[in-house]
Amino acid sequence: MTKYSKKAQEKIETVMHEFKAGTLKSGKNGKGGKVKSRKQAVAIGISEAKQAGLKVPSK
């Protein structure tokens, strides 16, 4: 089973802290408003990790 890299895990953790603090925004440049769903926050973290070129398993 493929695993997330350590850096990818840290990126997702950072995003989840932003979500808990209520500062995580969705969409380009945060124009989509506040993220209210935990699932959406995780998806944003995974997406940002992929964009940074970190090891993230496929769906």
PDB file of N, CA and C in Angstrom:
ATOM      1  N   MET A   1       0.833  -1.184   0.000  1.00  0.00           N
ATOM      2  CA  MET A   1       0.000   0.000   0.000  1.00  0.00           C
ATOM      3  C   MET A   1       0.883   1.254   0.000  1.00  0.00           C
ATOM      4  N   THR A   2       0.560   2.184  -0.858  1.00  0.00           N
ATOM      5  CA  THR A   2       1.324   3.419  -0.960  1.00  0.00           C
ATOM      6  C   THR A   2       0.993   4.323   0.220  1.00  0.00           C
ATOM      7  N   LYS A   3       2.003   5.031   0.687  1.00  0.00           N
ATOM      8  CA  LYS A   3       1.810   5.915   1.835  1.00  0.00           C
ATOM      9  C   LYS A   3       2.151   7.347   1.472  1.00  0.00           C
ATOM     10  N   TYR A   4       1.670   8.257   2.276  1.00  0.00           N
ATOM     11  CA  TYR A   4       2.008   9.668   2.122  1.00  0.00           C
ATOM     12  C   TYR A   4       3.425   9.886   2.627  1.00  0.00           C
ATOM     13  N   SER A   5       4.153  10.792   1.982  1.00  0.00           N
ATOM     14  CA  SER A   5       5.493  11.122   2.466  1.00  0.00           C
ATOM     15  C   SER A   5       5.365  11.938   3.759  1.00  0.00           C
ATOM     16  N   LYS A   6       6.453  12.022   4.490  1.00  0.00           N
ATOM     17  CA  LYS A   6       6.454  12.766   5.752  1.00  0.00           C
ATOM     18  C   LYS A   6       6.084  14.230   5.523  1.00  0.00           C
ATOM     19  N   LYS A   7       6.649  14.835   4.467  1.00  0.00           N
ATOM     20  CA  LYS A   7       6.363  16.238   4.159  1.00  0.00           C
ATOM     21  C   LYS A   7       4.903  16.430   3.778  1.00  0.00           C
ATOM     22  N   ALA A   8       4.319  15.456   3.055  1.00  0.00           N
ATOM     23  CA  ALA A   8       2.906  15.545   2.670  1.00  0.00           C
ATOM     24  C   ALA A   8       2.025  15.479   3.918  1.00  0.00           C
ATOM     25  N   GLN A   9       2.379  14.629   4.860  1.00  0.00           N
ATOM     26  CA  GLN A   9       1.629  14.524   6.107  1.00  0.00           C
ATOM     27  C   GLN A   9       1.689  15.843   6.868  1.00  0.00           C
ATOM     28  N   GLU A  10       2.859  16.468   6.881  1.00  0.00           N
ATOM     29  CA  GLU A  10       3.007  17.749   7.572  1.00  0.00           C
ATOM     30  C   GLU A  10       2.165  18.829   6.897  1.00  0.00           C
ATOM     31  N   LYS A  11       2.097  18.805   5.568  1.00  0.00           N
ATOM     32  CA  LYS A  11       1.315  19.788   4.818  1.00  0.00           C
ATOM     33  C   LYS A  11      -0.168  19.639   5.155  1.00  0.00           C
ATOM     34  N   ILE A  12      -0.655  18.408   5.168  1.00  0.00           N
ATOM     35  CA  ILE A  12      -2.064  18.156   5.488  1.00  0.00           C
ATOM     36  C   ILE A  12      -2.350  18.560   6.936  1.00  0.00           C
ATOM     37  N   GLU A  13      -1.408  18.289   7.822  1.00  0.00           N
ATOM     38  CA  GLU A  13      -1.567  18.660   9.234  1.00  0.00           C
ATOM     39  C   GLU A  13      -1.678  20.181   9.376  1.00  0.00           C
ATOM     40  N   THR A  14      -0.865  20.911   8.635  1.00  0.00           N
ATOM     41  CA  THR A  14      -0.890  22.373   8.674  1.00  0.00           C
ATOM     42  C   THR A  14      -2.243  22.901   8.213  1.00  0.00           C
ATOM     43  N   VAL A  15      -2.755  22.315   7.136  1.00  0.00           N
ATOM     44  CA  VAL A  15      -4.050  22.734   6.598  1.00  0.00           C
ATOM     45  C   VAL A  15      -5.167  22.445   7.604  1.00  0.00           C
ATOM     46  N   MET A  16      -5.082  21.310   8.285  1.00  0.00           N
ATOM     47  CA  MET A  16      -6.110  20.963   9.264  1.00  0.00           C
ATOM     48  C   MET A  16      -6.073  21.927  10.457  1.00  0.00           C
ATOM     49  N   HIS A  17      -4.880  22.393  10.825  1.00  0.00           N
ATOM     50  CA  HIS A  17      -4.785  23.388  11.901  1.00  0.00           C
ATOM     51  C   HIS A  17      -5.458  24.692  11.472  1.00  0.00           C
ATOM     52  N   GLU A  18      -5.263  25.070  10.210  1.00  0.00           N
ATOM     53  CA  GLU A  18      -5.918  26.275   9.683  1.00  0.00           C
ATOM     54  C   GLU A  18      -7.437  26.095   9.712  1.00  0.00           C
ATOM     55  N   PHE A  19      -7.903  24.896   9.358  1.00  0.00           N
ATOM     56  CA  PHE A  19      -9.338  24.599   9.360  1.00  0.00           C
ATOM     57  C   PHE A  19      -9.902  24.742  10.772  1.00  0.00           C
ATOM     58  N   LYS A  20      -9.202  24.155  11.748  1.00  0.00           N
ATOM     59  CA  LYS A  20      -9.671  24.210  13.134  1.00  0.00           C
ATOM     60  C   LYS A  20      -9.693  25.644  13.662  1.00  0.00           C
ATOM     61  N   ALA A  21      -8.727  26.449  13.206  1.00  0.00           N
ATOM     62  CA  ALA A  21      -8.651  27.838  13.642  1.00  0.00           C
ATOM     63  C   ALA A  21      -9.682  28.719  12.926  1.00  0.00           C
ATOM     64  N   GLY A  22     -10.258  28.184  11.838  1.00  0.00           N
ATOM     65  CA  GLY A  22     -11.263  28.935  11.089  1.00  0.00           C
ATOM     66  C   GLY A  22     -10.678  29.906  10.083  1.00  0.00           C
ATOM     67  N   THR A  23      -9.406  29.690   9.706  1.00  0.00           N
ATOM     68  CA  THR A  23      -8.757  30.600   8.766  1.00  0.00           C
ATOM     69  C   THR A  23      -8.578  29.996   7.378  1.00  0.00           C
ATOM     70  N   LEU A  24      -8.994  28.738   7.195  1.00  0.00           N
ATOM     71  CA  LEU A  24      -8.828  28.065   5.901  1.00  0.00           C
ATOM     72  C   LEU A  24      -9.907  28.528   4.931  1.00  0.00           C
ATOM     73  N   LYS A  25      -9.486  28.996   3.760  1.00  0.00           N
ATOM     74  CA  LYS A  25     -10.416  29.471   2.729  1.00  0.00           C
ATOM     75  C   LYS A  25     -10.319  28.567   1.517  1.00  0.00           C
ATOM     76  N   SER A  26     -11.399  28.440   0.776  1.00  0.00           N
ATOM     77  CA  SER A  26     -11.402  27.596  -0.412  1.00  0.00           C
ATOM     78  C   SER A  26     -11.304  28.445  -1.671  1.00  0.00           C
ATOM     79  N   GLY A  27     -10.981  27.800  -2.763  1.00  0.00           N
ATOM     80  CA  GLY A  27     -10.915  28.492  -4.046  1.00  0.00           C
ATOM     81  C   GLY A  27      -9.618  29.241  -4.246  1.00  0.00           C
ATOM     82  N   LYS A  28      -9.460  29.767  -5.444  1.00  0.00           N
ATOM     83  CA  LYS A  28      -8.238  30.493  -5.793  1.00  0.00           C
ATOM     84  C   LYS A  28      -8.121  31.766  -4.958  1.00  0.00           C
ATOM     85  N   ASN A  29      -7.011  31.903  -4.283  1.00  0.00           N
ATOM     86  CA  ASN A  29      -6.737  33.052  -3.414  1.00  0.00           C
ATOM     87  C   ASN A  29      -7.756  33.211  -2.289  1.00  0.00           C
ATOM     88  N   GLY A  30      -8.438  32.129  -1.908  1.00  0.00           N
ATOM     89  CA  GLY A  30      -9.368  32.178  -0.787  1.00  0.00           C
ATOM     90  C   GLY A  30     -10.655  32.922  -1.062  1.00  0.00           C
ATOM     91  N   LYS A  31     -11.006  33.082  -2.343  1.00  0.00           N
ATOM     92  CA  LYS A  31     -12.205  33.848  -2.687  1.00  0.00           C
ATOM     93  C   LYS A  31     -13.495  33.036  -2.545  1.00  0.00           C
ATOM     94  N   GLY A  32     -13.362  31.728  -2.274  1.00  0.00           N
ATOM     95  CA  GLY A  32     -14.540  30.872  -2.163  1.00  0.00           C
ATOM     96  C   GLY A  32     -15.177  30.907  -0.792  1.00  0.00           C
ATOM     97  N   GLY A  33     -14.557  31.563   0.148  1.00  0.00           N
ATOM     98  CA  GLY A  33     -15.115  31.644   1.499  1.00  0.00           C
ATOM     99  C   GLY A  33     -14.506  30.613   2.431  1.00  0.00           C
ATOM    100  N   LYS A  34     -14.997  30.596   3.666  1.00  0.00           N
ATOM    101  CA  LYS A  34     -14.481  29.707   4.696  1.00  0.00           C
ATOM    102  C   LYS A  34     -14.832  28.246   4.409  1.00  0.00           C
ATOM    103  N   VAL A  35     -13.915  27.362   4.720  1.00  0.00           N
ATOM    104  CA  VAL A  35     -14.149  25.923   4.585  1.00  0.00           C
ATOM    105  C   VAL A  35     -14.890  25.461   5.833  1.00  0.00           C
ATOM    106  N   LYS A  36     -16.011  24.773   5.636  1.00  0.00           N
ATOM    107  CA  LYS A  36     -16.824  24.333   6.772  1.00  0.00           C
ATOM    108  C   LYS A  36     -16.802  22.822   6.960  1.00  0.00           C
ATOM    109  N   SER A  37     -16.351  22.087   5.949  1.00  0.00           N
ATOM    110  CA  SER A  37     -16.363  20.637   5.989  1.00  0.00           C
ATOM    111  C   SER A  37     -14.970  20.076   6.242  1.00  0.00           C
ATOM    112  N   ARG A  38     -14.878  19.098   7.124  1.00  0.00           N
ATOM    113  CA  ARG A  38     -13.602  18.436   7.416  1.00  0.00           C
ATOM    114  C   ARG A  38     -13.074  17.723   6.169  1.00  0.00           C
ATOM    115  N   LYS A  39     -13.976  17.070   5.421  1.00  0.00           N
ATOM    116  CA  LYS A  39     -13.572  16.366   4.203  1.00  0.00           C
ATOM    117  C   LYS A  39     -12.984  17.328   3.183  1.00  0.00           C
ATOM    118  N   GLN A  40     -13.585  18.503   3.068  1.00  0.00           N
ATOM    119  CA  GLN A  40     -13.090  19.501   2.126  1.00  0.00           C
ATOM    120  C   GLN A  40     -11.703  19.987   2.554  1.00  0.00           C
ATOM    121  N   ALA A  41     -11.487  20.133   3.844  1.00  0.00           N
ATOM    122  CA  ALA A  41     -10.194  20.580   4.357  1.00  0.00           C
ATOM    123  C   ALA A  41      -9.103  19.550   4.037  1.00  0.00           C
ATOM    124  N   VAL A  42      -9.410  18.270   4.199  1.00  0.00           N
ATOM    125  CA  VAL A  42      -8.451  17.215   3.882  1.00  0.00           C
ATOM    126  C   VAL A  42      -8.148  17.223   2.386  1.00  0.00           C
ATOM    127  N   ALA A  43      -9.181  17.402   1.561  1.00  0.00           N
ATOM    128  CA  ALA A  43      -8.997  17.441   0.112  1.00  0.00           C
ATOM    129  C   ALA A  43      -8.094  18.610  -0.297  1.00  0.00           C
ATOM    130  N   ILE A  44      -8.250  19.742   0.350  1.00  0.00           N
ATOM    131  CA  ILE A  44      -7.409  20.903   0.057  1.00  0.00           C
ATOM    132  C   ILE A  44      -5.959  20.597   0.450  1.00  0.00           C
ATOM    133  N   GLY A  45      -5.761  19.961   1.596  1.00  0.00           N
ATOM    134  CA  GLY A  45      -4.413  19.594   2.041  1.00  0.00           C
ATOM    135  C   GLY A  45      -3.725  18.648   1.078  1.00  0.00           C
ATOM    136  N   ILE A  46      -4.453  17.642   0.612  1.00  0.00           N
ATOM    137  CA  ILE A  46      -3.901  16.680  -0.347  1.00  0.00           C
ATOM    138  C   ILE A  46      -3.576  17.378  -1.661  1.00  0.00           C
ATOM    139  N   SER A  47      -4.470  18.240  -2.100  1.00  0.00           N
ATOM    140  CA  SER A  47      -4.265  18.975  -3.341  1.00  0.00           C
ATOM    141  C   SER A  47      -3.019  19.863  -3.265  1.00  0.00           C
ATOM    142  N   GLU A  48      -2.834  20.556  -2.161  1.00  0.00           N
ATOM    143  CA  GLU A  48      -1.666  21.420  -1.986  1.00  0.00           C
ATOM    144  C   GLU A  48      -0.384  20.593  -1.933  1.00  0.00           C
ATOM    145  N   ALA A  49      -0.453  19.407  -1.316  1.00  0.00           N
ATOM    146  CA  ALA A  49       0.715  18.529  -1.259  1.00  0.00           C
ATOM    147  C   ALA A  49       1.085  18.046  -2.663  1.00  0.00           C
ATOM    148  N   LYS A  50       0.080  17.706  -3.465  1.00  0.00           N
ATOM    149  CA  LYS A  50       0.329  17.278  -4.844  1.00  0.00           C
ATOM    150  C   LYS A  50       0.966  18.401  -5.655  1.00  0.00           C
ATOM    151  N   GLN A  51       0.455  19.616  -5.484  1.00  0.00           N
ATOM    152  CA  GLN A  51       0.994  20.753  -6.218  1.00  0.00           C
ATOM    153  C   GLN A  51       2.444  21.029  -5.840  1.00  0.00           C
ATOM    154  N   ALA A  52       2.810  20.721  -4.599  1.00  0.00           N
ATOM    155  CA  ALA A  52       4.169  20.940  -4.139  1.00  0.00           C
ATOM    156  C   ALA A  52       5.093  19.798  -4.588  1.00  0.00           C
ATOM    157  N   GLY A  53       4.528  18.778  -5.261  1.00  0.00           N
ATOM    158  CA  GLY A  53       5.313  17.669  -5.786  1.00  0.00           C
ATOM    159  C   GLY A  53       5.663  16.622  -4.754  1.00  0.00           C
ATOM    160  N   LEU A  54       4.895  16.562  -3.662  1.00  0.00           N
ATOM    161  CA  LEU A  54       5.162  15.583  -2.609  1.00  0.00           C
ATOM    162  C   LEU A  54       4.503  14.254  -2.949  1.00  0.00           C
ATOM    163  N   LYS A  55       4.957  13.179  -2.308  1.00  0.00           N
ATOM    164  CA  LYS A  55       4.455  11.843  -2.592  1.00  0.00           C
ATOM    165  C   LYS A  55       3.080  11.643  -1.961  1.00  0.00           C
ATOM    166  N   VAL A  56       2.076  11.544  -2.843  1.00  0.00           N
ATOM    167  CA  VAL A  56       0.695  11.356  -2.410  1.00  0.00           C
ATOM    168  C   VAL A  56       0.110  10.223  -3.234  1.00  0.00           C
ATOM    169  N   PRO A  57      -0.507   9.201  -2.611  1.00  0.00           N
ATOM    170  CA  PRO A  57      -1.065   8.106  -3.389  1.00  0.00           C
ATOM    171  C   PRO A  57      -2.249   8.569  -4.248  1.00  0.00           C
ATOM    172  N   SER A  58      -2.484   7.859  -5.349  1.00  0.00           N
ATOM    173  CA  SER A  58      -3.617   8.199  -6.200  1.00  0.00           C
ATOM    174  C   SER A  58      -4.903   7.780  -5.504  1.00  0.00           C
ATOM    175  N   LYS A  59      -6.045   8.212  -6.044  1.00  0.00           N
ATOM    176  CA  LYS A  59      -7.342   7.979  -5.415  1.00  0.00           C
ATOM    177  C   LYS A  59      -7.541   6.575  -4.951  1.00  0.00           C
TER     178      LYS A  59
END
